[in-house]
Amino acid sequence: MKNITCLSKQGSWLYLGSYQDAYSRKAVSWDVREMMPEDLVNKALCRADSPRECGQWG
């Protein structure tokens, strides 16, 4: 499952993109940014797939 959450931080926003295992409901990977680019959730998926190399997103 994927998710984007907006977090308030001292008058500005942080955007948290995450992937969660549907069975265990544990976070598999995540990425936080100050702006919400199109690839926010893709970057989180990339980290889950290969923590050291993020291919086209990275």
PDB file of N, CA and C in Angstrom:
ATOM      1  N   MET A   1       0.842  -1.158   0.000  1.00  0.00           N
ATOM      2  CA  MET A   1       0.000   0.000   0.000  1.00  0.00           C
ATOM      3  C   MET A   1       0.894   1.230   0.000  1.00  0.00           C
ATOM      4  N   LYS A   2       0.470   2.263  -0.691  1.00  0.00           N
ATOM      5  CA  LYS A   2       1.246   3.491  -0.698  1.00  0.00           C
ATOM      6  C   LYS A   2       0.436   4.624  -0.098  1.00  0.00           C
ATOM      7  N   ASN A   3       1.162   5.621   0.399  1.00  0.00           N
ATOM      8  CA  ASN A   3       0.504   6.700   1.108  1.00  0.00           C
ATOM      9  C   ASN A   3       1.332   7.982   1.004  1.00  0.00           C
ATOM     10  N   ILE A   4       0.654   9.124   0.956  1.00  0.00           N
ATOM     11  CA  ILE A   4       1.306  10.420   1.064  1.00  0.00           C
ATOM     12  C   ILE A   4       0.645  11.148   2.226  1.00  0.00           C
ATOM     13  N   THR A   5       1.453  11.622   3.163  1.00  0.00           N
ATOM     14  CA  THR A   5       0.965  12.327   4.338  1.00  0.00           C
ATOM     15  C   THR A   5       1.616  13.698   4.404  1.00  0.00           C
ATOM     16  N   CYS A   6       0.834  14.718   4.711  1.00  0.00           N
ATOM     17  CA  CYS A   6       1.352  16.084   4.875  1.00  0.00           C
ATOM     18  C   CYS A   6       1.540  16.345   6.359  1.00  0.00           C
ATOM     19  N   LEU A   7       2.739  16.780   6.729  1.00  0.00           N
ATOM     20  CA  LEU A   7       3.058  17.034   8.129  1.00  0.00           C
ATOM     21  C   LEU A   7       3.382  18.511   8.319  1.00  0.00           C
ATOM     22  N   SER A   8       2.764  19.142   9.306  1.00  0.00           N
ATOM     23  CA  SER A   8       3.022  20.551   9.597  1.00  0.00           C
ATOM     24  C   SER A   8       4.324  20.682  10.378  1.00  0.00           C
ATOM     25  N   LYS A   9       5.166  21.632   9.940  1.00  0.00           N
ATOM     26  CA  LYS A   9       6.449  21.849  10.615  1.00  0.00           C
ATOM     27  C   LYS A   9       6.728  23.342  10.709  1.00  0.00           C
ATOM     28  N   GLN A  10       6.473  23.927  11.847  1.00  0.00           N
ATOM     29  CA  GLN A  10       6.779  25.325  12.124  1.00  0.00           C
ATOM     30  C   GLN A  10       6.345  26.267  11.003  1.00  0.00           C
ATOM     31  N   GLY A  11       5.104  26.196  10.623  1.00  0.00           N
ATOM     32  CA  GLY A  11       4.560  27.088   9.606  1.00  0.00           C
ATOM     33  C   GLY A  11       4.772  26.647   8.175  1.00  0.00           C
ATOM     34  N   SER A  12       5.466  25.536   7.962  1.00  0.00           N
ATOM     35  CA  SER A  12       5.632  25.006   6.608  1.00  0.00           C
ATOM     36  C   SER A  12       5.157  23.549   6.602  1.00  0.00           C
ATOM     37  N   TRP A  13       5.338  22.861   5.485  1.00  0.00           N
ATOM     38  CA  TRP A  13       4.862  21.492   5.354  1.00  0.00           C
ATOM     39  C   TRP A  13       5.992  20.556   4.952  1.00  0.00           C
ATOM     40  N   LEU A  14       5.906  19.329   5.421  1.00  0.00           N
ATOM     41  CA  LEU A  14       6.749  18.236   4.956  1.00  0.00           C
ATOM     42  C   LEU A  14       5.829  17.193   4.343  1.00  0.00           C
ATOM     43  N   TYR A  15       6.292  16.526   3.318  1.00  0.00           N
ATOM     44  CA  TYR A  15       5.496  15.512   2.634  1.00  0.00           C
ATOM     45  C   TYR A  15       6.180  14.163   2.800  1.00  0.00           C
ATOM     46  N   LEU A  16       5.456  13.225   3.369  1.00  0.00           N
ATOM     47  CA  LEU A  16       5.964  11.887   3.633  1.00  0.00           C
ATOM     48  C   LEU A  16       5.307  10.906   2.665  1.00  0.00           C
ATOM     49  N   GLY A  17       6.105  10.297   1.811  1.00  0.00           N
ATOM     50  CA  GLY A  17       5.620   9.248   0.912  1.00  0.00           C
ATOM     51  C   GLY A  17       6.093   7.916   1.459  1.00  0.00           C
ATOM     52  N   SER A  18       5.208   6.944   1.565  1.00  0.00           N
ATOM     53  CA  SER A  18       5.608   5.673   2.164  1.00  0.00           C
ATOM     54  C   SER A  18       4.939   4.486   1.478  1.00  0.00           C
ATOM     55  N   TYR A  19       5.570   3.331   1.639  1.00  0.00           N
ATOM     56  CA  TYR A  19       5.016   2.050   1.213  1.00  0.00           C
ATOM     57  C   TYR A  19       4.880   1.189   2.445  1.00  0.00           C
ATOM     58  N   GLN A  20       3.751   0.490   2.520  1.00  0.00           N
ATOM     59  CA  GLN A  20       3.456  -0.335   3.679  1.00  0.00           C
ATOM     60  C   GLN A  20       3.126  -1.741   3.199  1.00  0.00           C
ATOM     61  N   ASP A  21       3.660  -2.745   3.879  1.00  0.00           N
ATOM     62  CA  ASP A  21       3.356  -4.128   3.563  1.00  0.00           C
ATOM     63  C   ASP A  21       1.886  -4.375   3.901  1.00  0.00           C
ATOM     64  N   ALA A  22       1.121  -4.849   2.943  1.00  0.00           N
ATOM     65  CA  ALA A  22      -0.324  -5.030   3.131  1.00  0.00           C
ATOM     66  C   ALA A  22      -0.638  -6.108   4.169  1.00  0.00           C
ATOM     67  N   TYR A  23       0.226  -7.106   4.307  1.00  0.00           N
ATOM     68  CA  TYR A  23      -0.037  -8.184   5.249  1.00  0.00           C
ATOM     69  C   TYR A  23       0.346  -7.793   6.677  1.00  0.00           C
ATOM     70  N   SER A  24       1.585  -7.353   6.862  1.00  0.00           N
ATOM     71  CA  SER A  24       2.059  -7.054   8.213  1.00  0.00           C
ATOM     72  C   SER A  24       1.723  -5.637   8.664  1.00  0.00           C
ATOM     73  N   ARG A  25       1.373  -4.772   7.707  1.00  0.00           N
ATOM     74  CA  ARG A  25       1.089  -3.354   7.956  1.00  0.00           C
ATOM     75  C   ARG A  25       2.304  -2.581   8.471  1.00  0.00           C
ATOM     76  N   LYS A  26       3.499  -3.119   8.247  1.00  0.00           N
ATOM     77  CA  LYS A  26       4.721  -2.428   8.627  1.00  0.00           C
ATOM     78  C   LYS A  26       5.206  -1.574   7.457  1.00  0.00           C
ATOM     79  N   ALA A  27       5.809  -0.434   7.783  1.00  0.00           N
ATOM     80  CA  ALA A  27       6.374   0.426   6.751  1.00  0.00           C
ATOM     81  C   ALA A  27       7.570  -0.284   6.125  1.00  0.00           C
ATOM     82  N   VAL A  28       7.552  -0.391   4.811  1.00  0.00           N
ATOM     83  CA  VAL A  28       8.641  -1.031   4.080  1.00  0.00           C
ATOM     84  C   VAL A  28       9.697   0.011   3.729  1.00  0.00           C
ATOM     85  N   SER A  29       9.241   1.206   3.349  1.00  0.00           N
ATOM     86  CA  SER A  29      10.151   2.267   2.964  1.00  0.00           C
ATOM     87  C   SER A  29       9.423   3.603   2.986  1.00  0.00           C
ATOM     88  N   TRP A  30      10.206   4.689   3.029  1.00  0.00           N
ATOM     89  CA  TRP A  30       9.599   6.020   3.067  1.00  0.00           C
ATOM     90  C   TRP A  30      10.576   7.056   2.533  1.00  0.00           C
ATOM     91  N   ASP A  31      10.050   8.238   2.185  1.00  0.00           N
ATOM     92  CA  ASP A  31      10.857   9.366   1.737  1.00  0.00           C
ATOM     93  C   ASP A  31      10.157  10.646   2.183  1.00  0.00           C
ATOM     94  N   VAL A  32      10.915  11.614   2.695  1.00  0.00           N
ATOM     95  CA  VAL A  32      10.361  12.882   3.172  1.00  0.00           C
ATOM     96  C   VAL A  32      10.962  14.024   2.366  1.00  0.00           C
ATOM     97  N   ARG A  33      10.104  14.964   1.943  1.00  0.00           N
ATOM     98  CA  ARG A  33      10.567  16.128   1.188  1.00  0.00           C
ATOM     99  C   ARG A  33       9.848  17.384   1.663  1.00  0.00           C
ATOM    100  N   GLU A  34      10.462  18.538   1.419  1.00  0.00           N
ATOM    101  CA  GLU A  34       9.818  19.815   1.745  1.00  0.00           C
ATOM    102  C   GLU A  34       8.849  20.245   0.660  1.00  0.00           C
ATOM    103  N   MET A  35       9.010  19.725  -0.548  1.00  0.00           N
ATOM    104  CA  MET A  35       8.070  19.967  -1.647  1.00  0.00           C
ATOM    105  C   MET A  35       7.554  18.608  -2.092  1.00  0.00           C
ATOM    106  N   MET A  36       6.376  18.583  -2.728  1.00  0.00           N
ATOM    107  CA  MET A  36       5.815  17.303  -3.141  1.00  0.00           C
ATOM    108  C   MET A  36       6.019  17.103  -4.641  1.00  0.00           C
ATOM    109  N   PRO A  37       7.143  16.498  -5.020  1.00  0.00           N
ATOM    110  CA  PRO A  37       7.374  16.226  -6.435  1.00  0.00           C
ATOM    111  C   PRO A  37       6.571  15.007  -6.882  1.00  0.00           C
ATOM    112  N   GLU A  38       6.464  14.821  -8.181  1.00  0.00           N
ATOM    113  CA  GLU A  38       5.721  13.680  -8.717  1.00  0.00           C
ATOM    114  C   GLU A  38       6.314  12.350  -8.282  1.00  0.00           C
ATOM    115  N   ASP A  39       7.615  12.311  -8.059  1.00  0.00           N
ATOM    116  CA  ASP A  39       8.277  11.044  -7.769  1.00  0.00           C
ATOM    117  C   ASP A  39       8.409  10.715  -6.286  1.00  0.00           C
ATOM    118  N   LEU A  40       7.694  11.409  -5.417  1.00  0.00           N
ATOM    119  CA  LEU A  40       7.832  11.195  -3.975  1.00  0.00           C
ATOM    120  C   LEU A  40       7.594   9.738  -3.582  1.00  0.00           C
ATOM    121  N   VAL A  41       6.488   9.163  -3.992  1.00  0.00           N
ATOM    122  CA  VAL A  41       6.176   7.779  -3.628  1.00  0.00           C
ATOM    123  C   VAL A  41       7.061   6.812  -4.411  1.00  0.00           C
ATOM    124  N   ASN A  42       7.417   7.171  -5.657  1.00  0.00           N
ATOM    125  CA  ASN A  42       8.319   6.323  -6.435  1.00  0.00           C
ATOM    126  C   ASN A  42       9.680   6.214  -5.768  1.00  0.00           C
ATOM    127  N   LYS A  43      10.169   7.303  -5.198  1.00  0.00           N
ATOM    128  CA  LYS A  43      11.447   7.293  -4.497  1.00  0.00           C
ATOM    129  C   LYS A  43      11.379   6.365  -3.285  1.00  0.00           C
ATOM    130  N   ALA A  44      10.260   6.383  -2.577  1.00  0.00           N
ATOM    131  CA  ALA A  44      10.080   5.479  -1.437  1.00  0.00           C
ATOM    132  C   ALA A  44      10.091   4.027  -1.904  1.00  0.00           C
ATOM    133  N   LEU A  45       9.425   3.737  -3.014  1.00  0.00           N
ATOM    134  CA  LEU A  45       9.418   2.379  -3.559  1.00  0.00           C
ATOM    135  C   LEU A  45      10.824   1.972  -3.974  1.00  0.00           C
ATOM    136  N   CYS A  46      11.534   2.880  -4.586  1.00  0.00           N
ATOM    137  CA  CYS A  46      12.895   2.608  -5.013  1.00  0.00           C
ATOM    138  C   CYS A  46      13.771   2.233  -3.821  1.00  0.00           C
ATOM    139  N   ARG A  47      13.632   2.943  -2.730  1.00  0.00           N
ATOM    140  CA  ARG A  47      14.412   2.639  -1.530  1.00  0.00           C
ATOM    141  C   ARG A  47      14.064   1.254  -0.981  1.00  0.00           C
ATOM    142  N   ALA A  48      12.807   0.873  -1.074  1.00  0.00           N
ATOM    143  CA  ALA A  48      12.395  -0.446  -0.591  1.00  0.00           C
ATOM    144  C   ALA A  48      12.984  -1.532  -1.475  1.00  0.00           C
ATOM    145  N   ASP A  49      13.031  -1.276  -2.779  1.00  0.00           N
ATOM    146  CA  ASP A  49      13.516  -2.260  -3.741  1.00  0.00           C
ATOM    147  C   ASP A  49      15.029  -2.383  -3.699  1.00  0.00           C
ATOM    148  N   SER A  50      15.732  -1.275  -3.624  1.00  0.00           N
ATOM    149  CA  SER A  50      17.182  -1.271  -3.655  1.00  0.00           C
ATOM    150  C   SER A  50      17.702  -0.058  -2.889  1.00  0.00           C
ATOM    151  N   PRO A  51      18.035  -0.217  -1.623  1.00  0.00           N
ATOM    152  CA  PRO A  51      18.430   0.917  -0.793  1.00  0.00           C
ATOM    153  C   PRO A  51      19.638   1.701  -1.302  1.00  0.00           C
ATOM    154  N   ARG A  52      20.500   1.090  -2.094  1.00  0.00           N
ATOM    155  CA  ARG A  52      21.713   1.774  -2.538  1.00  0.00           C
ATOM    156  C   ARG A  52      21.614   2.368  -3.928  1.00  0.00           C
ATOM    157  N   GLU A  53      20.817   1.789  -4.812  1.00  0.00           N
ATOM    158  CA  GLU A  53      20.703   2.289  -6.167  1.00  0.00           C
ATOM    159  C   GLU A  53      19.235   2.509  -6.501  1.00  0.00           C
ATOM    160  N   CYS A  54      18.914   3.727  -6.936  1.00  0.00           N
ATOM    161  CA  CYS A  54      17.518   4.054  -7.190  1.00  0.00           C
ATOM    162  C   CYS A  54      17.216   4.221  -8.671  1.00  0.00           C
ATOM    163  N   GLY A  55      17.986   3.641  -9.540  1.00  0.00           N
ATOM    164  CA  GLY A  55      17.693   3.629 -10.961  1.00  0.00           C
ATOM    165  C   GLY A  55      17.272   4.965 -11.525  1.00  0.00           C
ATOM    166  N   GLN A  56      16.161   4.992 -12.219  1.00  0.00           N
ATOM    167  CA  GLN A  56      15.716   6.197 -12.899  1.00  0.00           C
ATOM    168  C   GLN A  56      15.238   7.296 -11.960  1.00  0.00           C
ATOM    169  N   TRP A  57      14.946   6.972 -10.704  1.00  0.00           N
ATOM    170  CA  TRP A  57      14.446   8.008  -9.782  1.00  0.00           C
ATOM    171  C   TRP A  57      15.537   8.617  -8.925  1.00  0.00           C
ATOM    172  N   GLY A  58      16.758   8.158  -9.081  1.00  0.00           N
ATOM    173  CA  GLY A  58      17.666   8.578  -8.218  1.00  0.00           C
ATOM    174  C   GLY A  58      18.836   9.189  -7.970  1.00  0.00           C
TER     175      GLY A  58
END
